[in-house]
Amino acid sequence: MTWRSKDDLARETGAERRELVGKIRKTLVSLSSGAVWQFLGALVQGVARETFAAEVWQGIGFASRPRTTSKAEALLVYVGRGARQVQAVAMRDEDLRRVAAANLEPDETAIFSSKSIVVIKADGSVEIRSIGGTPAPLALKSELAALRTAFLAHTHVLTIAAASGSGGTGTAAITTTTVAAPVGTTVLKAE
């Protein structure tokens, strides 16, 4: 990302364009805590970066914070003519997206952090895995219950040979131990 200073912008454009361009700013996320975050903008006179405190507008029911080591970017918008209040309306960590969600197919959606990813696939299935991990099918509760039933119905038959010279053999049944029915997780629900 090439940073241009306010002075560069002033030299290259007229007042009307500068006002319009100034209403939407591409910045770096500096600090992220609570509803108001800190953002770093363009260079001021080639020395220091502008600093903004802006309220973060995230989607309803969804919240995220960038890693402290990320190069997360944000779009800040000044709302209304002559507005002094700035709002952060979009954010991204492109380096993390390239690692976590680069291989999404059309009609797929991902929610991810630096460690895990949830992918809603185009066919309606959902994958939950670590970044770079391979998803594996999970057993259904009904499959585990059937396995339990088969296990409990099974009896081992043991043929016992008599001691040398006695001439006899015998059999004995070994009963199985009761196994509790699988209850499943209370955290993850699925069909």
N, C-alpha and C. Protein backbone atom coordinates (compact mmCIF):
# COMPACT_ATOMS: atom_id res chain seq x y z
N MET A 1 0.84 -1.17 0.00
CA MET A 1 0.00 0.00 0.00
C MET A 1 0.89 1.23 0.00
N THR A 2 0.72 2.14 -0.96
CA THR A 2 1.50 3.36 -1.04
C THR A 2 0.74 4.48 -0.34
N TRP A 3 1.38 5.11 0.61
CA TRP A 3 0.74 6.18 1.37
C TRP A 3 1.08 7.52 0.73
N ARG A 4 0.05 8.30 0.49
CA ARG A 4 0.23 9.67 0.01
C ARG A 4 -0.12 10.61 1.15
N SER A 5 0.60 11.70 1.23
CA SER A 5 0.34 12.67 2.30
C SER A 5 -0.82 13.58 1.91
N LYS A 6 -1.32 14.32 2.89
CA LYS A 6 -2.35 15.33 2.61
C LYS A 6 -1.80 16.40 1.68
N ASP A 7 -0.52 16.69 1.84
CA ASP A 7 0.11 17.70 0.98
C ASP A 7 0.13 17.23 -0.47
N ASP A 8 0.41 15.93 -0.70
CA ASP A 8 0.39 15.38 -2.06
C ASP A 8 -1.00 15.54 -2.65
N LEU A 9 -2.02 15.19 -1.88
CA LEU A 9 -3.39 15.28 -2.35
C LEU A 9 -3.75 16.73 -2.68
N ALA A 10 -3.34 17.66 -1.83
CA ALA A 10 -3.64 19.08 -2.06
C ALA A 10 -3.01 19.58 -3.35
N ARG A 11 -1.79 19.16 -3.65
CA ARG A 11 -1.12 19.59 -4.87
C ARG A 11 -1.76 19.00 -6.12
N GLU A 12 -2.30 17.77 -6.01
CA GLU A 12 -2.78 17.04 -7.18
C GLU A 12 -4.25 17.30 -7.52
N THR A 13 -5.02 17.85 -6.61
CA THR A 13 -6.46 17.95 -6.85
C THR A 13 -7.00 19.31 -6.40
N GLY A 14 -8.21 19.63 -6.89
CA GLY A 14 -8.88 20.85 -6.49
C GLY A 14 -9.60 20.68 -5.16
N ALA A 15 -10.10 21.80 -4.61
CA ALA A 15 -10.74 21.81 -3.30
C ALA A 15 -11.97 20.90 -3.24
N GLU A 16 -12.79 20.93 -4.30
CA GLU A 16 -14.00 20.12 -4.32
C GLU A 16 -13.66 18.62 -4.28
N ARG A 17 -12.69 18.21 -5.06
CA ARG A 17 -12.28 16.80 -5.07
C ARG A 17 -11.67 16.41 -3.72
N ARG A 18 -10.86 17.30 -3.14
CA ARG A 18 -10.26 16.99 -1.84
C ARG A 18 -11.34 16.78 -0.78
N GLU A 19 -12.41 17.61 -0.84
CA GLU A 19 -13.49 17.44 0.14
C GLU A 19 -14.18 16.09 -0.03
N LEU A 20 -14.45 15.71 -1.28
CA LEU A 20 -15.10 14.43 -1.56
C LEU A 20 -14.20 13.26 -1.17
N VAL A 21 -12.94 13.32 -1.56
CA VAL A 21 -11.99 12.24 -1.24
C VAL A 21 -11.83 12.12 0.27
N GLY A 22 -11.86 13.23 0.97
CA GLY A 22 -11.69 13.22 2.41
C GLY A 22 -12.83 12.60 3.18
N LYS A 23 -13.99 12.42 2.54
CA LYS A 23 -15.15 11.83 3.23
C LYS A 23 -15.02 10.32 3.41
N ILE A 24 -14.24 9.69 2.55
CA ILE A 24 -13.99 8.25 2.68
C ILE A 24 -12.48 8.06 2.74
N ARG A 25 -12.01 7.47 3.82
CA ARG A 25 -10.58 7.33 4.04
C ARG A 25 -10.20 5.87 4.22
N LYS A 26 -9.13 5.44 3.59
CA LYS A 26 -8.55 4.12 3.81
C LYS A 26 -7.47 4.28 4.86
N THR A 27 -7.58 3.50 5.95
CA THR A 27 -6.67 3.65 7.08
C THR A 27 -6.19 2.29 7.55
N LEU A 28 -5.27 2.30 8.50
CA LEU A 28 -4.84 1.09 9.18
C LEU A 28 -5.47 1.06 10.57
N VAL A 29 -5.85 -0.14 11.02
CA VAL A 29 -6.37 -0.28 12.38
C VAL A 29 -5.16 -0.25 13.32
N SER A 30 -5.21 0.65 14.29
CA SER A 30 -4.10 0.80 15.23
C SER A 30 -4.42 0.11 16.56
N LEU A 31 -5.55 0.44 17.14
CA LEU A 31 -6.00 -0.18 18.39
C LEU A 31 -7.46 -0.58 18.24
N SER A 32 -7.80 -1.78 18.73
CA SER A 32 -9.19 -2.24 18.60
C SER A 32 -9.68 -2.77 19.94
N SER A 33 -10.52 -1.99 20.57
CA SER A 33 -11.10 -2.39 21.85
C SER A 33 -12.41 -1.65 22.01
N GLY A 34 -13.46 -2.38 22.37
CA GLY A 34 -14.76 -1.76 22.56
C GLY A 34 -15.38 -1.30 21.25
N ALA A 35 -16.23 -0.30 21.32
CA ALA A 35 -16.95 0.17 20.13
C ALA A 35 -16.18 1.25 19.37
N VAL A 36 -15.23 1.92 20.02
CA VAL A 36 -14.44 2.97 19.39
C VAL A 36 -13.00 2.49 19.26
N TRP A 37 -12.51 2.46 18.03
CA TRP A 37 -11.15 1.99 17.75
C TRP A 37 -10.29 3.16 17.30
N GLN A 38 -8.98 2.95 17.26
CA GLN A 38 -8.05 3.96 16.77
C GLN A 38 -7.53 3.54 15.39
N PHE A 39 -7.44 4.50 14.49
CA PHE A 39 -7.01 4.25 13.11
C PHE A 39 -5.90 5.23 12.74
N LEU A 40 -4.99 4.76 11.88
CA LEU A 40 -3.91 5.60 11.38
C LEU A 40 -4.18 5.93 9.93
N GLY A 41 -4.11 7.22 9.58
CA GLY A 41 -4.40 7.65 8.23
C GLY A 41 -3.15 8.06 7.47
N ALA A 42 -3.30 9.06 6.63
CA ALA A 42 -2.23 9.53 5.74
C ALA A 42 -1.14 10.25 6.53
N LEU A 43 0.01 10.40 5.90
CA LEU A 43 1.11 11.17 6.48
C LEU A 43 0.74 12.66 6.50
N VAL A 44 1.04 13.32 7.60
CA VAL A 44 0.80 14.76 7.72
C VAL A 44 2.15 15.45 7.58
N GLN A 45 2.32 16.23 6.54
CA GLN A 45 3.56 16.94 6.22
C GLN A 45 4.75 15.99 6.20
N GLY A 46 4.50 14.74 5.80
CA GLY A 46 5.56 13.75 5.65
C GLY A 46 6.19 13.28 6.94
N VAL A 47 5.63 13.63 8.08
CA VAL A 47 6.27 13.30 9.36
C VAL A 47 5.48 12.27 10.16
N ALA A 48 4.24 12.60 10.50
CA ALA A 48 3.44 11.72 11.36
C ALA A 48 2.14 11.37 10.66
N ARG A 49 1.55 10.26 11.05
CA ARG A 49 0.28 9.84 10.48
C ARG A 49 -0.88 10.48 11.24
N GLU A 50 -1.96 10.75 10.49
CA GLU A 50 -3.19 11.20 11.13
C GLU A 50 -3.68 10.07 12.04
N THR A 51 -4.30 10.43 13.13
CA THR A 51 -4.87 9.44 14.04
C THR A 51 -6.36 9.75 14.18
N PHE A 52 -7.19 8.72 14.04
CA PHE A 52 -8.64 8.87 14.15
C PHE A 52 -9.17 7.95 15.24
N ALA A 53 -10.13 8.42 15.98
CA ALA A 53 -10.92 7.57 16.86
C ALA A 53 -12.28 7.46 16.19
N ALA A 54 -12.69 6.24 15.87
CA ALA A 54 -13.94 6.07 15.14
C ALA A 54 -14.76 4.94 15.73
N GLU A 55 -16.07 5.14 15.73
CA GLU A 55 -16.98 4.08 16.13
C GLU A 55 -17.00 3.02 15.02
N VAL A 56 -16.97 1.76 15.43
CA VAL A 56 -16.92 0.66 14.48
C VAL A 56 -18.33 0.14 14.25
N TRP A 57 -18.74 0.10 12.99
CA TRP A 57 -20.05 -0.43 12.61
C TRP A 57 -19.85 -1.83 12.04
N GLN A 58 -20.17 -2.84 12.85
CA GLN A 58 -20.08 -4.22 12.39
C GLN A 58 -21.49 -4.75 12.19
N GLY A 59 -21.61 -5.85 11.49
CA GLY A 59 -22.92 -6.44 11.22
C GLY A 59 -23.63 -6.86 12.50
N ILE A 60 -24.95 -6.85 12.46
CA ILE A 60 -25.76 -7.27 13.61
C ILE A 60 -25.46 -8.73 13.92
N GLY A 61 -25.20 -9.01 15.19
CA GLY A 61 -24.93 -10.38 15.62
C GLY A 61 -23.54 -10.87 15.27
N PHE A 62 -22.67 -9.98 14.82
CA PHE A 62 -21.33 -10.38 14.44
C PHE A 62 -20.34 -9.35 14.96
N ALA A 63 -19.28 -9.82 15.58
CA ALA A 63 -18.23 -8.92 16.06
C ALA A 63 -16.88 -9.59 15.87
N SER A 64 -15.88 -8.81 15.54
CA SER A 64 -14.54 -9.36 15.40
C SER A 64 -13.53 -8.28 15.71
N ARG A 65 -12.33 -8.72 16.06
CA ARG A 65 -11.20 -7.82 16.28
C ARG A 65 -10.00 -8.39 15.55
N PRO A 66 -9.19 -7.55 14.95
CA PRO A 66 -8.00 -8.05 14.28
C PRO A 66 -6.93 -8.50 15.28
N ARG A 67 -6.04 -9.36 14.81
CA ARG A 67 -4.89 -9.74 15.62
C ARG A 67 -4.05 -8.50 15.89
N THR A 68 -3.36 -8.47 17.00
CA THR A 68 -2.53 -7.30 17.31
C THR A 68 -1.36 -7.19 16.35
N THR A 69 -0.98 -8.29 15.70
CA THR A 69 0.14 -8.28 14.76
C THR A 69 -0.31 -8.08 13.31
N SER A 70 -1.59 -7.88 13.08
CA SER A 70 -2.09 -7.80 11.70
C SER A 70 -1.85 -6.42 11.10
N LYS A 71 -2.01 -6.36 9.79
CA LYS A 71 -1.98 -5.09 9.06
C LYS A 71 -3.40 -4.80 8.59
N ALA A 72 -4.36 -4.91 9.51
CA ALA A 72 -5.77 -4.73 9.17
C ALA A 72 -6.00 -3.31 8.67
N GLU A 73 -6.85 -3.21 7.65
CA GLU A 73 -7.21 -1.93 7.05
C GLU A 73 -8.68 -1.64 7.32
N ALA A 74 -9.04 -0.37 7.24
CA ALA A 74 -10.43 0.03 7.46
C ALA A 74 -10.79 1.17 6.52
N LEU A 75 -12.07 1.24 6.18
CA LEU A 75 -12.61 2.39 5.46
C LEU A 75 -13.37 3.23 6.48
N LEU A 76 -12.97 4.49 6.59
CA LEU A 76 -13.64 5.43 7.48
C LEU A 76 -14.47 6.37 6.62
N VAL A 77 -15.66 6.70 7.11
CA VAL A 77 -16.57 7.56 6.37
C VAL A 77 -17.02 8.70 7.28
N TYR A 78 -16.92 9.92 6.75
CA TYR A 78 -17.51 11.07 7.43
C TYR A 78 -18.94 11.19 6.94
N VAL A 79 -19.87 11.17 7.85
CA VAL A 79 -21.28 11.17 7.48
C VAL A 79 -21.82 12.60 7.52
N GLY A 80 -22.46 13.05 6.41
CA GLY A 80 -23.07 14.37 6.34
C GLY A 80 -22.08 15.45 5.93
N ARG A 81 -22.63 16.56 5.43
CA ARG A 81 -21.78 17.67 4.97
C ARG A 81 -21.12 18.34 6.18
N GLY A 82 -19.83 18.49 6.11
CA GLY A 82 -19.10 19.14 7.20
C GLY A 82 -19.07 18.33 8.47
N ALA A 83 -19.38 17.04 8.38
CA ALA A 83 -19.45 16.20 9.58
C ALA A 83 -18.08 16.04 10.22
N ARG A 84 -18.05 16.02 11.52
CA ARG A 84 -16.82 15.81 12.26
C ARG A 84 -16.76 14.39 12.83
N GLN A 85 -17.88 13.71 12.82
CA GLN A 85 -17.95 12.34 13.36
C GLN A 85 -17.56 11.36 12.27
N VAL A 86 -16.60 10.48 12.57
CA VAL A 86 -16.13 9.52 11.59
C VAL A 86 -16.57 8.11 12.04
N GLN A 87 -16.97 7.30 11.07
CA GLN A 87 -17.42 5.94 11.34
C GLN A 87 -16.57 4.95 10.55
N ALA A 88 -16.19 3.84 11.18
CA ALA A 88 -15.49 2.76 10.47
C ALA A 88 -16.57 1.80 9.96
N VAL A 89 -16.70 1.69 8.64
CA VAL A 89 -17.80 0.92 8.06
C VAL A 89 -17.36 -0.40 7.43
N ALA A 90 -16.08 -0.59 7.21
CA ALA A 90 -15.60 -1.84 6.64
C ALA A 90 -14.16 -2.07 7.05
N MET A 91 -13.82 -3.32 7.36
CA MET A 91 -12.46 -3.66 7.74
C MET A 91 -12.06 -4.96 7.09
N ARG A 92 -10.75 -5.14 6.92
CA ARG A 92 -10.25 -6.40 6.39
C ARG A 92 -8.81 -6.60 6.82
N ASP A 93 -8.42 -7.87 6.87
CA ASP A 93 -7.03 -8.26 7.07
C ASP A 93 -6.71 -9.13 5.86
N GLU A 94 -6.22 -8.52 4.82
CA GLU A 94 -6.02 -9.22 3.55
C GLU A 94 -5.01 -10.34 3.67
N ASP A 95 -3.96 -10.17 4.47
CA ASP A 95 -2.98 -11.24 4.66
C ASP A 95 -3.64 -12.47 5.27
N LEU A 96 -4.48 -12.28 6.28
CA LEU A 96 -5.18 -13.40 6.90
C LEU A 96 -6.19 -14.02 5.94
N ARG A 97 -6.91 -13.20 5.18
CA ARG A 97 -7.88 -13.74 4.22
C ARG A 97 -7.19 -14.63 3.19
N ARG A 98 -6.03 -14.20 2.72
CA ARG A 98 -5.29 -15.01 1.73
C ARG A 98 -4.94 -16.38 2.28
N VAL A 99 -4.61 -16.46 3.56
CA VAL A 99 -4.24 -17.73 4.18
C VAL A 99 -5.48 -18.56 4.50
N ALA A 100 -6.49 -17.94 5.08
CA ALA A 100 -7.63 -18.68 5.61
C ALA A 100 -8.70 -18.99 4.58
N ALA A 101 -9.00 -18.07 3.70
CA ALA A 101 -10.19 -18.24 2.85
C ALA A 101 -9.91 -18.03 1.37
N ALA A 102 -8.69 -18.23 0.96
CA ALA A 102 -8.33 -17.98 -0.44
C ALA A 102 -8.99 -18.94 -1.41
N ASN A 103 -9.34 -20.13 -0.97
CA ASN A 103 -9.85 -21.16 -1.87
C ASN A 103 -11.37 -21.31 -1.83
N LEU A 104 -12.09 -20.28 -1.43
CA LEU A 104 -13.55 -20.36 -1.43
C LEU A 104 -14.06 -20.52 -2.86
N GLU A 105 -15.04 -21.38 -3.02
CA GLU A 105 -15.68 -21.58 -4.31
C GLU A 105 -16.86 -20.60 -4.43
N PRO A 106 -17.41 -20.41 -5.64
CA PRO A 106 -18.59 -19.56 -5.77
C PRO A 106 -19.72 -20.03 -4.85
N ASP A 107 -20.44 -19.10 -4.24
CA ASP A 107 -21.57 -19.36 -3.35
C ASP A 107 -21.15 -19.98 -2.02
N GLU A 108 -19.90 -19.78 -1.60
CA GLU A 108 -19.45 -20.23 -0.28
C GLU A 108 -19.17 -19.02 0.59
N THR A 109 -19.34 -19.20 1.90
CA THR A 109 -19.13 -18.13 2.87
C THR A 109 -18.23 -18.67 3.97
N ALA A 110 -17.33 -17.84 4.47
CA ALA A 110 -16.42 -18.27 5.52
C ALA A 110 -16.39 -17.26 6.66
N ILE A 111 -16.27 -17.79 7.86
CA ILE A 111 -16.00 -17.01 9.06
C ILE A 111 -14.69 -17.58 9.59
N PHE A 112 -13.69 -16.73 9.82
CA PHE A 112 -12.41 -17.28 10.20
C PHE A 112 -11.63 -16.38 11.13
N SER A 113 -10.72 -17.00 11.85
CA SER A 113 -9.73 -16.30 12.67
C SER A 113 -8.38 -16.81 12.21
N SER A 114 -7.33 -16.50 12.93
CA SER A 114 -6.01 -16.97 12.51
C SER A 114 -5.82 -18.45 12.80
N LYS A 115 -6.71 -19.08 13.56
CA LYS A 115 -6.58 -20.49 13.93
C LYS A 115 -7.65 -21.40 13.34
N SER A 116 -8.87 -20.92 13.16
CA SER A 116 -10.00 -21.77 12.75
C SER A 116 -10.81 -21.12 11.65
N ILE A 117 -11.58 -21.97 10.94
CA ILE A 117 -12.45 -21.48 9.88
C ILE A 117 -13.75 -22.29 9.86
N VAL A 118 -14.86 -21.61 9.63
CA VAL A 118 -16.16 -22.23 9.41
C VAL A 118 -16.55 -21.87 7.98
N VAL A 119 -16.78 -22.88 7.15
CA VAL A 119 -17.13 -22.64 5.75
C VAL A 119 -18.52 -23.18 5.48
N ILE A 120 -19.40 -22.32 5.01
CA ILE A 120 -20.72 -22.76 4.55
C ILE A 120 -20.56 -23.03 3.07
N LYS A 121 -20.65 -24.31 2.71
CA LYS A 121 -20.38 -24.75 1.35
C LYS A 121 -21.57 -24.48 0.44
N ALA A 122 -21.32 -24.44 -0.86
CA ALA A 122 -22.36 -24.19 -1.85
C ALA A 122 -23.45 -25.26 -1.82
N ASP A 123 -23.10 -26.48 -1.40
CA ASP A 123 -24.09 -27.57 -1.36
C ASP A 123 -24.91 -27.57 -0.06
N GLY A 124 -24.66 -26.59 0.83
CA GLY A 124 -25.40 -26.49 2.08
C GLY A 124 -24.71 -27.13 3.27
N SER A 125 -23.65 -27.87 3.03
CA SER A 125 -22.92 -28.47 4.15
C SER A 125 -22.05 -27.41 4.83
N VAL A 126 -21.59 -27.71 6.03
CA VAL A 126 -20.77 -26.79 6.80
C VAL A 126 -19.50 -27.50 7.26
N GLU A 127 -18.37 -26.88 7.05
CA GLU A 127 -17.08 -27.41 7.52
C GLU A 127 -16.57 -26.54 8.65
N ILE A 128 -16.11 -27.18 9.71
CA ILE A 128 -15.46 -26.48 10.80
C ILE A 128 -14.11 -27.16 10.96
N ARG A 129 -13.04 -26.38 10.81
CA ARG A 129 -11.71 -26.99 10.87
C ARG A 129 -10.68 -25.94 11.24
N SER A 130 -9.47 -26.40 11.52
CA SER A 130 -8.38 -25.47 11.74
C SER A 130 -7.89 -24.96 10.39
N ILE A 131 -7.21 -23.83 10.38
CA ILE A 131 -6.67 -23.28 9.15
C ILE A 131 -5.66 -24.29 8.58
N GLY A 132 -5.85 -24.67 7.34
CA GLY A 132 -4.98 -25.65 6.71
C GLY A 132 -5.35 -27.09 7.03
N GLY A 133 -6.34 -27.29 7.90
CA GLY A 133 -6.75 -28.64 8.28
C GLY A 133 -7.65 -29.27 7.23
N THR A 134 -7.85 -30.57 7.36
CA THR A 134 -8.72 -31.31 6.45
C THR A 134 -9.97 -31.74 7.20
N PRO A 135 -11.15 -31.36 6.73
CA PRO A 135 -12.37 -31.77 7.44
C PRO A 135 -12.60 -33.26 7.31
N ALA A 136 -13.16 -33.86 8.34
CA ALA A 136 -13.49 -35.28 8.34
C ALA A 136 -14.96 -35.43 8.70
N PRO A 137 -15.64 -36.42 8.13
CA PRO A 137 -17.06 -36.62 8.47
C PRO A 137 -17.21 -36.95 9.96
N LEU A 138 -18.26 -36.45 10.57
CA LEU A 138 -18.57 -36.76 11.96
C LEU A 138 -19.62 -37.85 12.01
N ALA A 139 -19.53 -38.71 13.02
CA ALA A 139 -20.53 -39.77 13.19
C ALA A 139 -21.84 -39.15 13.66
N LEU A 140 -22.94 -39.67 13.14
CA LEU A 140 -24.26 -39.25 13.59
C LEU A 140 -24.56 -39.91 14.93
N LYS A 141 -25.37 -39.26 15.75
CA LYS A 141 -25.77 -39.85 17.02
C LYS A 141 -26.48 -41.18 16.79
N SER A 142 -27.28 -41.27 15.72
CA SER A 142 -27.99 -42.52 15.41
C SER A 142 -27.01 -43.64 15.06
N GLU A 143 -25.90 -43.30 14.39
CA GLU A 143 -24.88 -44.30 14.07
C GLU A 143 -24.18 -44.80 15.33
N LEU A 144 -23.91 -43.88 16.26
CA LEU A 144 -23.29 -44.28 17.52
C LEU A 144 -24.24 -45.14 18.35
N ALA A 145 -25.53 -44.81 18.33
CA ALA A 145 -26.52 -45.61 19.07
C ALA A 145 -26.61 -47.01 18.48
N ALA A 146 -26.59 -47.14 17.15
CA ALA A 146 -26.63 -48.45 16.51
C ALA A 146 -25.39 -49.26 16.86
N LEU A 147 -24.25 -48.61 16.91
CA LEU A 147 -23.01 -49.29 17.29
C LEU A 147 -23.10 -49.78 18.73
N ARG A 148 -23.65 -48.97 19.61
CA ARG A 148 -23.83 -49.35 21.01
C ARG A 148 -24.75 -50.56 21.11
N THR A 149 -25.87 -50.54 20.37
CA THR A 149 -26.81 -51.67 20.39
C THR A 149 -26.13 -52.95 19.93
N ALA A 150 -25.38 -52.87 18.85
CA ALA A 150 -24.67 -54.04 18.33
C ALA A 150 -23.65 -54.53 19.34
N PHE A 151 -22.98 -53.63 20.01
CA PHE A 151 -21.98 -54.00 20.99
C PHE A 151 -22.62 -54.71 22.18
N LEU A 152 -23.75 -54.17 22.66
CA LEU A 152 -24.41 -54.77 23.82
C LEU A 152 -25.03 -56.13 23.50
N ALA A 153 -25.43 -56.37 22.26
CA ALA A 153 -26.05 -57.65 21.88
C ALA A 153 -25.01 -58.74 21.61
N HIS A 154 -23.78 -58.37 21.55
CA HIS A 154 -22.73 -59.34 21.21
C HIS A 154 -22.28 -60.12 22.44
N THR A 155 -22.15 -61.41 22.31
CA THR A 155 -21.63 -62.27 23.37
C THR A 155 -20.43 -63.03 22.84
N HIS A 156 -19.38 -63.02 23.59
CA HIS A 156 -18.20 -63.79 23.22
C HIS A 156 -18.36 -65.22 23.71
N VAL A 157 -18.06 -66.19 22.88
CA VAL A 157 -18.08 -67.59 23.29
C VAL A 157 -16.64 -68.06 23.34
N LEU A 158 -16.29 -68.63 24.42
CA LEU A 158 -14.93 -69.06 24.64
C LEU A 158 -14.90 -70.57 24.79
N THR A 159 -14.10 -71.25 24.01
CA THR A 159 -13.95 -72.70 24.14
C THR A 159 -12.73 -72.96 25.01
N ILE A 160 -12.97 -73.72 26.05
CA ILE A 160 -11.90 -74.01 27.00
C ILE A 160 -11.47 -75.47 26.81
N ALA A 161 -10.21 -75.67 26.57
CA ALA A 161 -9.69 -77.04 26.43
C ALA A 161 -9.39 -77.58 27.82
N ALA A 162 -9.72 -78.82 28.02
CA ALA A 162 -9.47 -79.46 29.32
C ALA A 162 -7.98 -79.73 29.47
N ALA A 163 -7.61 -79.91 30.68
CA ALA A 163 -6.20 -80.20 30.96
C ALA A 163 -5.79 -81.47 30.23
N SER A 164 -4.57 -81.60 29.94
CA SER A 164 -4.03 -82.74 29.22
C SER A 164 -4.41 -84.04 29.91
N GLY A 165 -4.97 -84.97 29.15
CA GLY A 165 -5.32 -86.28 29.66
C GLY A 165 -6.74 -86.40 30.19
N SER A 166 -7.50 -85.28 30.35
CA SER A 166 -8.86 -85.41 30.90
C SER A 166 -9.86 -85.72 29.81
N GLY A 167 -9.54 -85.37 28.55
CA GLY A 167 -10.39 -85.71 27.42
C GLY A 167 -11.60 -84.82 27.21
N GLY A 168 -11.82 -83.79 27.95
CA GLY A 168 -13.02 -82.98 27.78
C GLY A 168 -12.75 -81.55 27.36
N THR A 169 -13.79 -80.91 26.86
CA THR A 169 -13.75 -79.49 26.55
C THR A 169 -15.02 -78.86 27.10
N GLY A 170 -15.05 -77.58 27.17
CA GLY A 170 -16.25 -76.90 27.65
C GLY A 170 -16.36 -75.52 27.03
N THR A 171 -17.49 -74.86 27.21
CA THR A 171 -17.68 -73.50 26.73
C THR A 171 -18.15 -72.62 27.86
N ALA A 172 -17.88 -71.36 27.74
CA ALA A 172 -18.34 -70.39 28.74
C ALA A 172 -18.73 -69.12 28.02
N ALA A 173 -19.79 -68.50 28.44
CA ALA A 173 -20.21 -67.22 27.86
C ALA A 173 -19.64 -66.09 28.70
N ILE A 174 -19.14 -65.07 28.01
CA ILE A 174 -18.64 -63.89 28.70
C ILE A 174 -19.62 -62.76 28.42
N THR A 175 -20.18 -62.22 29.45
CA THR A 175 -21.17 -61.15 29.24
C THR A 175 -20.46 -59.81 29.08
N THR A 176 -21.14 -58.90 28.39
CA THR A 176 -20.56 -57.57 28.15
C THR A 176 -21.01 -56.61 29.23
N THR A 177 -20.27 -55.56 29.37
CA THR A 177 -20.58 -54.51 30.33
C THR A 177 -21.54 -53.51 29.68
N THR A 178 -22.47 -53.00 30.46
CA THR A 178 -23.39 -51.99 29.94
C THR A 178 -22.63 -50.72 29.59
N VAL A 179 -22.94 -50.19 28.41
CA VAL A 179 -22.30 -48.96 27.93
C VAL A 179 -23.38 -47.89 27.83
N ALA A 180 -23.09 -46.73 28.34
CA ALA A 180 -24.06 -45.63 28.30
C ALA A 180 -24.31 -45.20 26.86
N ALA A 181 -25.54 -44.77 26.59
CA ALA A 181 -25.89 -44.29 25.26
C ALA A 181 -25.15 -42.98 24.98
N PRO A 182 -24.72 -42.75 23.73
CA PRO A 182 -24.04 -41.49 23.43
C PRO A 182 -25.00 -40.32 23.58
N VAL A 183 -24.54 -39.27 24.19
CA VAL A 183 -25.39 -38.10 24.39
C VAL A 183 -25.05 -36.97 23.42
N GLY A 184 -23.89 -37.00 22.82
CA GLY A 184 -23.50 -35.94 21.89
C GLY A 184 -23.03 -34.71 22.62
N THR A 185 -22.58 -33.75 21.87
CA THR A 185 -22.10 -32.50 22.46
C THR A 185 -23.24 -31.53 22.70
N THR A 186 -23.09 -30.70 23.68
CA THR A 186 -24.09 -29.66 23.92
C THR A 186 -23.67 -28.36 23.24
N VAL A 187 -22.50 -28.34 22.62
CA VAL A 187 -21.98 -27.13 22.02
C VAL A 187 -22.29 -27.06 20.52
N LEU A 188 -22.12 -28.14 19.80
CA LEU A 188 -22.29 -28.17 18.36
C LEU A 188 -23.54 -28.96 18.02
N LYS A 189 -24.44 -28.36 17.27
CA LYS A 189 -25.68 -29.03 16.86
C LYS A 189 -25.70 -29.13 15.33
N ALA A 190 -26.25 -30.21 14.83
CA ALA A 190 -26.32 -30.39 13.37
C ALA A 190 -27.42 -31.39 13.05
N GLU A 191 -27.71 -31.55 11.74
CA GLU A 191 -28.68 -32.54 11.31
C GLU A 191 -28.06 -33.91 11.42
